[in-house]
Amino acid sequence: MQGPARCSFFKALLWALALVALLQLLYLSLLSGLHGRQQRSRYSELFGGRRGEAPGRPSEQQKEQLKRALASGGRLDASGQYRIYTDMLGPRERAGRAPDLVLATHTSLSNLHQLQELVGRWQGPVSVALFAPGPAEVRLATLMLYALGALCGPVRQLVSAHLVCHSGDLAAFPELEDRAEFARLKACGDVFAKLARAGAGRRNYVLGANASYPNNLLRNVARGAATGHYTLVLDVDMLPSEGLREAFLALAATLGAEGPPDVFVVPAFEIRHTRRLPGAKAELLQLYQVGEIRPFYEELCPRCQAPTNYSRWLNLPPGSSLNIAYTVEWRDPWEPFYISANSVPPYDERFKQYGFNRISQACELHVAGYSFSVLNNAFLVHKGFKVPSEFHAQKDAENQRNKMLFRQFKQELKLKYPGSPRRC
């Protein structure tokens, strides 16, 4: 082949290759656009999202946040047994730099419906850790969190949600085949009603074979979202007194930084019937006088709450402001509910299922030098009286296992705090 002809051939070949590359780029661009339209179609078919629909639905940014949270694959806990997905509804934006009081709670799917009343009563930031013990539960948990974000404005505005599952399970974004799950969900109340039906007759600690409820891990996950804040760690089936958050922040603004570190004990009660949950101390006292309310764990473990000194607290007249009523010393086996700075030691995550999970935390606070100050007008109410017949069959065996672990834990505290004169 002559020189000019050979040159023309190579030019033609280069132009052909360039054209093929251009066509490939165009094809990939069209394919990407088609995939994006398909995903938007999936979103709209699952939860609408078209123009003219109800304003409570999530924005594309919120949907992308859920996708990012899931695409990360989560992170493993220190033991490597659990996978943790944080901020499933997107990180909450702080209104300012002043410290806030975050309510941190935990649950399995069976009690997630309790979140509705908790958020309504608290009216402030809530951090919830949700445990899903198997692939089917992980899928349902992801779907229900997506539904809450889509249809429940107060949840989306106030709640940071975190999913915890076994390390071998992976959460995925809802697919079109999940559409039937939500065909009748039109409003926030529908989502919580579906959760209540799904949880009817089920309990947190009854999770199936080889599944333990990691309550202390869940508490740490929920509390971890409140960095820089005060926290109140509660079980999801408890309600705080009305206005507790605002009243405590007003009290905290008057406290100095000097002196021993404090945690602020909130006395806990149980109510027989849940149709009338007291909001203020005066109402609680009325219900106490007629036997509708009693101290928390009064029937199951009176010693577990005795240092709170309920008789002294109940005889304090209701007041208009929140203050420290008195300070008590921890003694075994007290397990108070308390407000604290988020810098307190974490819960020991080896404790699972029933027994010693909160006692171990309070024990460490005592050894570490914390004081326990009881608040005068604040309280918590557990929905329903706690009675032995309500517990699962393995409760006593779990309690014995954790009792052995607690003995080991107390020995470890001597090494962790060698200069402390306090012991559990």
Protein backbone atom coordinates (compact mmCIF):
# COMPACT_ATOMS: atom_id res chain seq x y z
CA MET A 1 0.00 0.00 0.00
CA GLN A 2 1.35 3.40 -1.00
CA GLY A 3 2.14 6.05 1.62
CA PRO A 4 -0.84 8.41 0.98
CA ALA A 5 -3.29 5.49 0.82
CA ARG A 6 -1.89 4.00 4.05
CA CYS A 7 -2.25 7.41 5.77
CA SER A 8 -5.87 7.72 4.64
CA PHE A 9 -6.61 4.20 5.92
CA PHE A 10 -5.28 4.98 9.40
CA LYS A 11 -7.20 8.26 9.49
CA ALA A 12 -10.39 6.44 8.62
CA LEU A 13 -9.67 3.83 11.29
CA LEU A 14 -9.09 6.49 13.93
CA TRP A 15 -12.31 8.26 12.94
CA ALA A 16 -14.19 4.96 13.18
CA LEU A 17 -12.79 4.23 16.64
CA ALA A 18 -13.65 7.74 17.79
CA LEU A 19 -17.19 7.32 16.49
CA VAL A 20 -17.56 3.99 18.31
CA ALA A 21 -16.33 5.57 21.56
CA LEU A 22 -18.74 8.47 21.14
CA LEU A 23 -21.63 6.10 20.52
CA GLN A 24 -20.67 4.11 23.63
CA LEU A 25 -20.64 7.26 25.75
CA LEU A 26 -23.99 8.28 24.33
CA TYR A 27 -25.39 4.82 25.05
CA LEU A 28 -24.11 4.86 28.64
CA SER A 29 -25.53 8.33 29.13
CA LEU A 30 -28.92 7.25 27.82
CA LEU A 31 -28.76 4.08 29.92
CA SER A 32 -27.92 6.09 33.04
CA GLY A 33 -30.77 8.47 32.37
CA LEU A 34 -33.13 5.56 31.82
CA HIS A 35 -31.97 3.95 35.09
CA GLY A 36 -32.54 7.23 36.92
CA ARG A 37 -36.05 7.52 35.46
CA GLN A 38 -36.73 3.92 36.46
CA GLN A 39 -35.59 4.59 40.01
CA ARG A 40 -37.73 7.74 40.18
CA SER A 41 -40.61 5.70 38.85
CA ARG A 42 -40.00 3.11 41.57
CA TYR A 43 -40.00 5.87 44.19
CA SER A 44 -43.23 7.33 42.84
CA GLU A 45 -44.89 3.94 42.64
CA LEU A 46 -43.88 3.12 46.20
CA PHE A 47 -44.70 6.45 47.82
CA GLY A 48 -45.89 8.87 45.18
CA GLY A 49 -43.58 11.87 45.07
CA ARG A 50 -45.26 13.40 42.01
CA ARG A 51 -46.36 17.01 41.81
CA GLY A 52 -49.57 17.82 43.61
CA GLU A 53 -49.21 15.09 46.23
CA ALA A 54 -49.32 15.58 49.96
CA PRO A 55 -46.49 17.83 51.29
CA GLY A 56 -45.55 15.34 54.02
CA ARG A 57 -43.66 13.07 51.62
CA PRO A 58 -39.84 13.02 51.57
CA SER A 59 -37.80 15.00 49.13
CA GLU A 60 -35.42 13.41 46.65
CA GLN A 61 -32.61 14.48 48.97
CA GLN A 62 -34.14 12.50 51.84
CA LYS A 63 -34.56 9.46 49.64
CA GLU A 64 -30.94 9.73 48.57
CA GLN A 65 -29.91 9.95 52.25
CA LEU A 66 -31.53 6.58 52.91
CA LYS A 67 -29.80 5.11 49.88
CA ARG A 68 -26.44 6.46 51.09
CA ALA A 69 -26.99 5.09 54.60
CA LEU A 70 -27.66 1.66 53.15
CA ALA A 71 -25.01 1.77 50.44
CA SER A 72 -22.33 2.25 53.09
CA GLY A 73 -22.99 -1.27 54.30
CA GLY A 74 -23.15 0.06 57.84
CA ARG A 75 -20.37 -0.50 60.36
CA LEU A 76 -19.63 -3.42 62.64
CA ASP A 77 -19.78 -3.09 66.41
CA ALA A 78 -16.73 -3.81 68.57
CA SER A 79 -17.59 -7.50 68.85
CA GLY A 80 -18.10 -7.93 65.11
CA GLN A 81 -21.46 -9.57 65.78
CA TYR A 82 -23.71 -6.69 64.75
CA ARG A 83 -24.05 -4.31 61.81
CA ILE A 84 -25.11 -0.73 62.50
CA TYR A 85 -26.73 1.67 60.02
CA THR A 86 -26.91 5.20 61.39
CA ASP A 87 -29.11 8.16 60.43
CA MET A 88 -31.56 6.20 58.31
CA LEU A 89 -33.85 9.24 58.12
CA GLY A 90 -30.98 11.67 57.61
CA PRO A 91 -28.97 13.55 60.25
CA ARG A 92 -30.96 16.06 62.26
CA GLU A 93 -29.90 19.70 61.99
CA ARG A 94 -29.25 21.43 65.28
CA ALA A 95 -31.21 24.64 65.72
CA GLY A 96 -28.27 26.29 67.48
CA ARG A 97 -25.06 25.65 69.34
CA ALA A 98 -26.62 25.53 72.80
CA PRO A 99 -26.79 22.05 74.32
CA ASP A 100 -30.08 20.23 74.01
CA LEU A 101 -31.61 17.27 75.82
CA VAL A 102 -31.99 14.24 73.54
CA LEU A 103 -34.26 11.35 74.41
CA ALA A 104 -32.43 8.14 73.45
CA THR A 105 -34.44 4.95 73.17
CA HIS A 106 -34.32 1.46 71.69
CA THR A 107 -36.76 -1.15 70.45
CA SER A 108 -37.44 -4.10 68.20
CA LEU A 109 -40.16 -3.96 65.52
CA SER A 110 -42.70 -5.27 68.02
CA ASN A 111 -42.62 -2.01 69.99
CA LEU A 112 -41.73 0.55 67.32
CA HIS A 113 -45.34 1.79 67.28
CA GLN A 114 -44.70 3.21 70.79
CA LEU A 115 -42.53 5.87 69.14
CA GLN A 116 -45.59 7.86 68.07
CA GLU A 117 -46.75 8.70 71.59
CA LEU A 118 -43.16 9.20 72.78
CA VAL A 119 -42.41 11.78 70.08
CA GLY A 120 -45.73 13.51 70.73
CA ARG A 121 -45.02 13.82 74.45
CA TRP A 122 -41.33 14.78 74.15
CA GLN A 123 -41.61 17.42 71.41
CA GLY A 124 -37.85 17.49 70.97
CA PRO A 125 -34.97 15.49 69.50
CA VAL A 126 -35.33 11.71 69.79
CA SER A 127 -32.73 9.09 68.84
CA VAL A 128 -34.01 5.54 68.37
CA ALA A 129 -32.03 2.35 67.77
CA LEU A 130 -34.10 -0.37 66.10
CA PHE A 131 -33.02 -4.01 66.29
CA ALA A 132 -33.92 -6.47 63.50
CA PRO A 133 -32.79 -10.05 64.28
CA GLY A 134 -33.04 -11.66 60.82
CA PRO A 135 -33.17 -10.96 57.06
CA ALA A 136 -36.97 -10.73 56.94
CA GLU A 137 -37.01 -8.36 59.91
CA VAL A 138 -34.22 -6.26 58.40
CA ARG A 139 -36.22 -5.84 55.21
CA LEU A 140 -39.41 -4.96 57.09
CA ALA A 141 -37.55 -2.58 59.41
CA THR A 142 -36.06 -0.73 56.43
CA LEU A 143 -39.47 -0.49 54.78
CA MET A 144 -41.15 0.81 57.93
CA LEU A 145 -38.46 3.40 58.58
CA TYR A 146 -38.86 4.54 54.98
CA ALA A 147 -42.63 4.75 55.48
CA LEU A 148 -42.20 6.77 58.68
CA GLY A 149 -39.88 9.19 56.89
CA ALA A 150 -42.28 9.42 53.96
CA LEU A 151 -45.54 9.97 55.79
CA CYS A 152 -44.73 11.22 59.31
CA GLY A 153 -43.53 14.81 59.36
CA PRO A 154 -42.89 14.95 63.16
CA VAL A 155 -40.82 11.76 62.98
CA ARG A 156 -38.77 13.07 60.08
CA GLN A 157 -38.21 16.40 61.83
CA LEU A 158 -37.43 15.16 65.36
CA VAL A 159 -36.16 11.59 65.12
CA SER A 160 -32.79 10.16 64.16
CA ALA A 161 -33.19 6.44 63.47
CA HIS A 162 -30.52 3.75 63.49
CA LEU A 163 -30.87 0.13 62.40
CA VAL A 164 -28.96 -2.67 64.15
CA CYS A 165 -28.89 -6.21 62.78
CA HIS A 166 -26.59 -9.23 62.78
CA SER A 167 -23.33 -8.74 60.91
CA GLY A 168 -24.31 -11.26 58.23
CA ASP A 169 -27.45 -9.34 57.28
CA LEU A 170 -27.50 -6.45 54.83
CA ALA A 171 -30.24 -3.86 54.49
CA ALA A 172 -31.38 -2.78 51.01
CA PHE A 173 -33.48 0.03 49.57
CA PRO A 174 -37.18 -0.85 49.14
CA GLU A 175 -37.91 -2.43 45.75
CA LEU A 176 -41.01 -2.30 43.62
CA GLU A 177 -42.14 -5.71 44.81
CA ASP A 178 -42.58 -4.16 48.26
CA ARG A 179 -45.33 -1.95 46.90
CA ALA A 180 -48.10 -4.18 48.25
CA GLU A 181 -46.84 -3.58 51.78
CA PHE A 182 -47.86 0.06 51.54
CA ALA A 183 -50.91 0.03 49.29
CA ARG A 184 -53.14 1.26 52.13
CA LEU A 185 -50.69 3.62 53.84
CA LYS A 186 -51.96 7.13 53.20
CA ALA A 187 -50.97 8.95 56.39
CA CYS A 188 -48.73 8.73 59.44
CA GLY A 189 -51.43 7.09 61.53
CA ASP A 190 -51.65 4.26 59.00
CA VAL A 191 -47.95 3.47 59.44
CA PHE A 192 -48.16 3.32 63.23
CA ALA A 193 -51.37 1.28 63.05
CA LYS A 194 -49.59 -1.24 60.80
CA LEU A 195 -46.67 -1.38 63.25
CA ALA A 196 -49.06 -1.92 66.17
CA ARG A 197 -50.73 -4.81 64.37
CA ALA A 198 -47.37 -6.34 63.48
CA GLY A 199 -46.24 -6.12 67.11
CA ALA A 200 -49.43 -7.42 68.73
CA GLY A 201 -48.62 -10.25 71.13
CA ARG A 202 -44.86 -10.02 70.57
CA ARG A 203 -42.16 -8.95 73.04
CA ASN A 204 -38.72 -7.41 72.69
CA TYR A 205 -36.89 -10.34 74.25
CA VAL A 206 -38.64 -13.10 72.28
CA LEU A 207 -36.78 -12.99 68.97
CA GLY A 208 -36.50 -16.58 67.81
CA ALA A 209 -33.67 -19.10 67.90
CA ASN A 210 -30.12 -17.83 68.43
CA ALA A 211 -31.17 -14.18 68.65
CA SER A 212 -30.45 -12.10 71.74
CA TYR A 213 -31.72 -8.58 72.25
CA PRO A 214 -28.56 -6.41 72.59
CA ASN A 215 -30.11 -3.73 74.77
CA ASN A 216 -26.88 -2.07 75.93
CA LEU A 217 -25.49 -1.91 72.40
CA LEU A 218 -28.75 -0.32 71.29
CA ARG A 219 -28.60 2.23 74.11
CA ASN A 220 -25.06 3.19 73.09
CA VAL A 221 -26.04 3.50 69.42
CA ALA A 222 -29.00 5.74 70.27
CA ARG A 223 -26.94 7.83 72.68
CA GLY A 224 -24.10 8.13 70.18
CA ALA A 225 -26.26 10.37 68.00
CA ALA A 226 -26.48 12.93 70.81
CA THR A 227 -22.81 13.98 70.99
CA GLY A 228 -22.45 17.33 72.73
CA HIS A 229 -25.90 17.09 74.31
CA TYR A 230 -27.51 15.89 77.48
CA THR A 231 -29.31 12.56 77.13
CA LEU A 232 -32.17 10.76 78.81
CA VAL A 233 -32.03 7.04 78.01
CA LEU A 234 -35.45 5.38 78.20
CA ASP A 235 -37.15 2.19 77.16
CA VAL A 236 -39.57 2.91 74.33
CA ASP A 237 -42.65 1.92 76.37
CA MET A 238 -42.10 4.71 78.91
CA LEU A 239 -43.28 8.32 78.79
CA PRO A 240 -41.65 11.34 80.47
CA SER A 241 -43.60 14.01 82.29
CA GLU A 242 -44.77 16.90 80.16
CA GLY A 243 -42.31 19.74 79.66
CA LEU A 244 -39.37 17.77 81.07
CA ARG A 245 -36.98 18.74 78.29
CA GLU A 246 -37.60 22.48 78.54
CA ALA A 247 -37.59 22.45 82.35
CA PHE A 248 -34.30 20.57 82.54
CA LEU A 249 -32.57 22.85 80.04
CA ALA A 250 -33.64 25.82 82.16
CA LEU A 251 -32.21 24.09 85.24
CA ALA A 252 -28.98 23.13 83.44
CA ALA A 253 -28.40 26.78 82.52
CA THR A 254 -28.21 27.65 86.23
CA LEU A 255 -25.79 24.89 87.24
CA GLY A 256 -22.10 25.61 87.57
CA ALA A 257 -19.36 23.41 86.17
CA GLU A 258 -17.60 22.99 89.52
CA GLY A 259 -18.04 20.13 91.95
CA PRO A 260 -18.42 16.40 91.40
CA PRO A 261 -20.07 15.23 88.20
CA ASP A 262 -23.79 14.65 88.51
CA VAL A 263 -26.42 12.54 86.87
CA PHE A 264 -29.99 13.66 87.39
CA VAL A 265 -32.34 10.89 88.48
CA VAL A 266 -35.89 10.91 87.12
CA PRO A 267 -38.13 8.75 89.36
CA ALA A 268 -39.94 6.02 87.43
CA PHE A 269 -43.45 4.66 87.99
CA GLU A 270 -45.81 2.08 86.50
CA ILE A 271 -49.46 2.72 85.63
CA ARG A 272 -52.14 0.05 85.73
CA HIS A 273 -54.23 1.38 82.84
CA THR A 274 -52.76 3.39 79.98
CA ARG A 275 -55.88 5.35 79.05
CA ARG A 276 -54.88 8.19 81.37
CA LEU A 277 -51.15 8.86 81.45
CA PRO A 278 -50.29 11.74 83.83
CA GLY A 279 -48.43 14.73 82.48
CA ALA A 280 -47.77 16.63 85.72
CA LYS A 281 -46.79 15.59 89.24
CA ALA A 282 -50.11 16.71 90.77
CA GLU A 283 -51.98 14.34 88.45
CA LEU A 284 -49.52 11.52 89.18
CA LEU A 285 -50.08 11.97 92.93
CA GLN A 286 -53.84 11.66 92.47
CA LEU A 287 -53.43 8.41 90.55
CA TYR A 288 -50.97 7.13 93.16
CA GLN A 289 -53.49 7.72 95.96
CA VAL A 290 -56.10 5.53 94.25
CA GLY A 291 -53.65 2.73 93.42
CA GLU A 292 -53.47 3.33 89.67
CA ILE A 293 -49.76 4.16 89.85
CA ARG A 294 -46.95 2.57 91.83
CA PRO A 295 -43.12 2.79 91.86
CA PHE A 296 -41.37 1.10 88.96
CA TYR A 297 -40.53 -2.58 89.55
CA GLU A 298 -42.35 -2.53 92.91
CA GLU A 299 -43.55 -6.12 92.47
CA LEU A 300 -40.57 -7.57 90.59
CA CYS A 301 -37.56 -6.02 92.32
CA PRO A 302 -38.26 -3.34 94.95
CA ARG A 303 -34.54 -3.13 95.81
CA CYS A 304 -33.76 -2.19 92.20
CA GLN A 305 -35.45 1.20 92.72
CA ALA A 306 -35.42 1.63 96.51
CA PRO A 307 -32.55 4.21 96.70
CA THR A 308 -34.72 6.64 94.73
CA ASN A 309 -36.60 7.07 98.04
CA TYR A 310 -40.11 7.23 96.62
CA SER A 311 -41.78 8.14 99.92
CA ARG A 312 -39.61 11.24 100.22
CA TRP A 313 -40.22 12.21 96.59
CA LEU A 314 -43.98 11.69 96.80
CA ASN A 315 -44.18 13.91 99.88
CA LEU A 316 -42.49 16.80 98.10
CA PRO A 317 -45.22 19.25 97.01
CA PRO A 318 -45.57 19.79 93.26
CA GLY A 319 -43.78 22.92 92.13
CA SER A 320 -43.73 25.15 89.08
CA SER A 321 -40.01 24.75 88.38
CA LEU A 322 -37.59 21.86 88.15
CA ASN A 323 -34.88 21.59 90.79
CA ILE A 324 -32.65 19.06 92.51
CA ALA A 325 -34.64 17.69 95.46
CA TYR A 326 -31.94 15.62 97.16
CA THR A 327 -28.85 13.54 96.40
CA VAL A 328 -28.53 9.83 97.14
CA GLU A 329 -25.67 7.37 97.06
CA TRP A 330 -25.78 4.39 94.73
CA ARG A 331 -26.13 0.97 96.27
CA ASP A 332 -26.56 -2.43 94.71
CA PRO A 333 -28.80 -3.22 92.82
CA TRP A 334 -30.13 0.28 92.00
CA GLU A 335 -30.81 0.91 88.30
CA PRO A 336 -32.12 4.47 88.03
CA PHE A 337 -33.16 6.30 84.90
CA TYR A 338 -31.24 9.54 84.66
CA ILE A 339 -30.31 12.57 82.58
CA SER A 340 -26.59 13.03 82.02
CA ALA A 341 -24.01 14.71 79.90
CA ASN A 342 -23.22 12.44 76.99
CA SER A 343 -19.65 12.06 78.28
CA VAL A 344 -20.64 9.47 80.90
CA PRO A 345 -19.16 5.97 80.41
CA PRO A 346 -20.96 3.85 77.81
CA TYR A 347 -23.13 0.87 78.68
CA ASP A 348 -21.27 -2.44 78.71
CA GLU A 349 -22.40 -4.13 75.51
CA ARG A 350 -21.72 -7.66 76.75
CA PHE A 351 -25.00 -7.51 78.67
CA LYS A 352 -27.91 -8.73 76.52
CA GLN A 353 -31.46 -9.87 77.09
CA TYR A 354 -32.68 -9.66 80.69
CA GLY A 355 -30.75 -8.70 83.81
CA PHE A 356 -28.01 -6.34 85.07
CA ASN A 357 -27.76 -4.28 81.86
CA ARG A 358 -28.69 -0.97 83.51
CA ILE A 359 -27.41 -1.94 86.96
CA SER A 360 -23.91 -2.35 85.53
CA GLN A 361 -24.03 1.15 84.06
CA ALA A 362 -25.15 2.75 87.33
CA CYS A 363 -22.53 0.76 89.22
CA GLU A 364 -19.76 2.14 87.00
CA LEU A 365 -21.02 5.69 87.40
CA HIS A 366 -20.81 5.24 91.17
CA VAL A 367 -17.25 3.89 91.03
CA ALA A 368 -16.24 6.65 88.61
CA GLY A 369 -17.28 9.29 91.16
CA TYR A 370 -20.68 10.45 89.94
CA SER A 371 -23.35 11.79 92.27
CA PHE A 372 -27.03 10.90 91.83
CA SER A 373 -29.28 13.95 92.19
CA VAL A 374 -33.04 13.31 92.23
CA LEU A 375 -35.22 15.86 90.39
CA ASN A 376 -38.26 17.16 92.24
CA ASN A 377 -41.04 17.42 89.62
CA ALA A 378 -39.86 15.19 86.77
CA PHE A 379 -40.97 11.58 86.42
CA LEU A 380 -41.35 8.68 84.01
CA VAL A 381 -44.30 6.35 83.56
CA HIS A 382 -44.10 2.80 82.25
CA LYS A 383 -47.22 1.69 80.40
CA GLY A 384 -48.70 -1.12 82.43
CA PHE A 385 -47.83 -2.82 85.71
CA LYS A 386 -44.82 -5.11 85.46
CA VAL A 387 -45.78 -8.58 86.74
CA PRO A 388 -43.93 -11.92 86.63
CA SER A 389 -46.44 -13.57 84.27
CA GLU A 390 -45.62 -11.09 81.49
CA PHE A 391 -42.03 -12.22 81.11
CA HIS A 392 -40.66 -14.75 78.66
CA ALA A 393 -39.75 -18.27 79.77
CA GLN A 394 -35.97 -17.77 79.58
CA LYS A 395 -35.92 -14.70 81.83
CA ASP A 396 -34.52 -16.43 84.94
CA ALA A 397 -31.79 -18.25 83.00
CA GLU A 398 -30.76 -14.99 81.30
CA ASN A 399 -30.69 -13.24 84.66
CA GLN A 400 -28.36 -15.89 86.09
CA ARG A 401 -25.96 -15.64 83.13
CA ASN A 402 -25.82 -11.87 83.43
CA LYS A 403 -25.36 -12.14 87.18
CA MET A 404 -22.15 -14.09 86.59
CA LEU A 405 -21.04 -11.49 84.05
CA PHE A 406 -21.80 -8.72 86.56
CA ARG A 407 -19.46 -10.30 89.09
CA GLN A 408 -16.69 -10.25 86.50
CA PHE A 409 -17.62 -6.68 85.54
CA LYS A 410 -17.20 -5.46 89.12
CA GLN A 411 -13.71 -6.93 89.29
CA GLU A 412 -12.83 -5.17 86.05
CA LEU A 413 -13.95 -1.84 87.50
CA LYS A 414 -11.31 -2.16 90.23
CA LEU A 415 -8.65 -2.20 87.50
CA LYS A 416 -10.33 0.52 85.45
CA TYR A 417 -10.62 2.93 88.43
CA PRO A 418 -7.69 1.96 90.72
CA GLY A 419 -7.80 5.23 92.62
CA SER A 420 -11.51 5.13 93.43
CA PRO A 421 -12.48 4.34 97.03
CA ARG A 422 -15.94 3.28 95.84
CA ARG A 423 -16.98 -0.28 95.14
CA CYS A 424 -20.15 -1.94 93.89
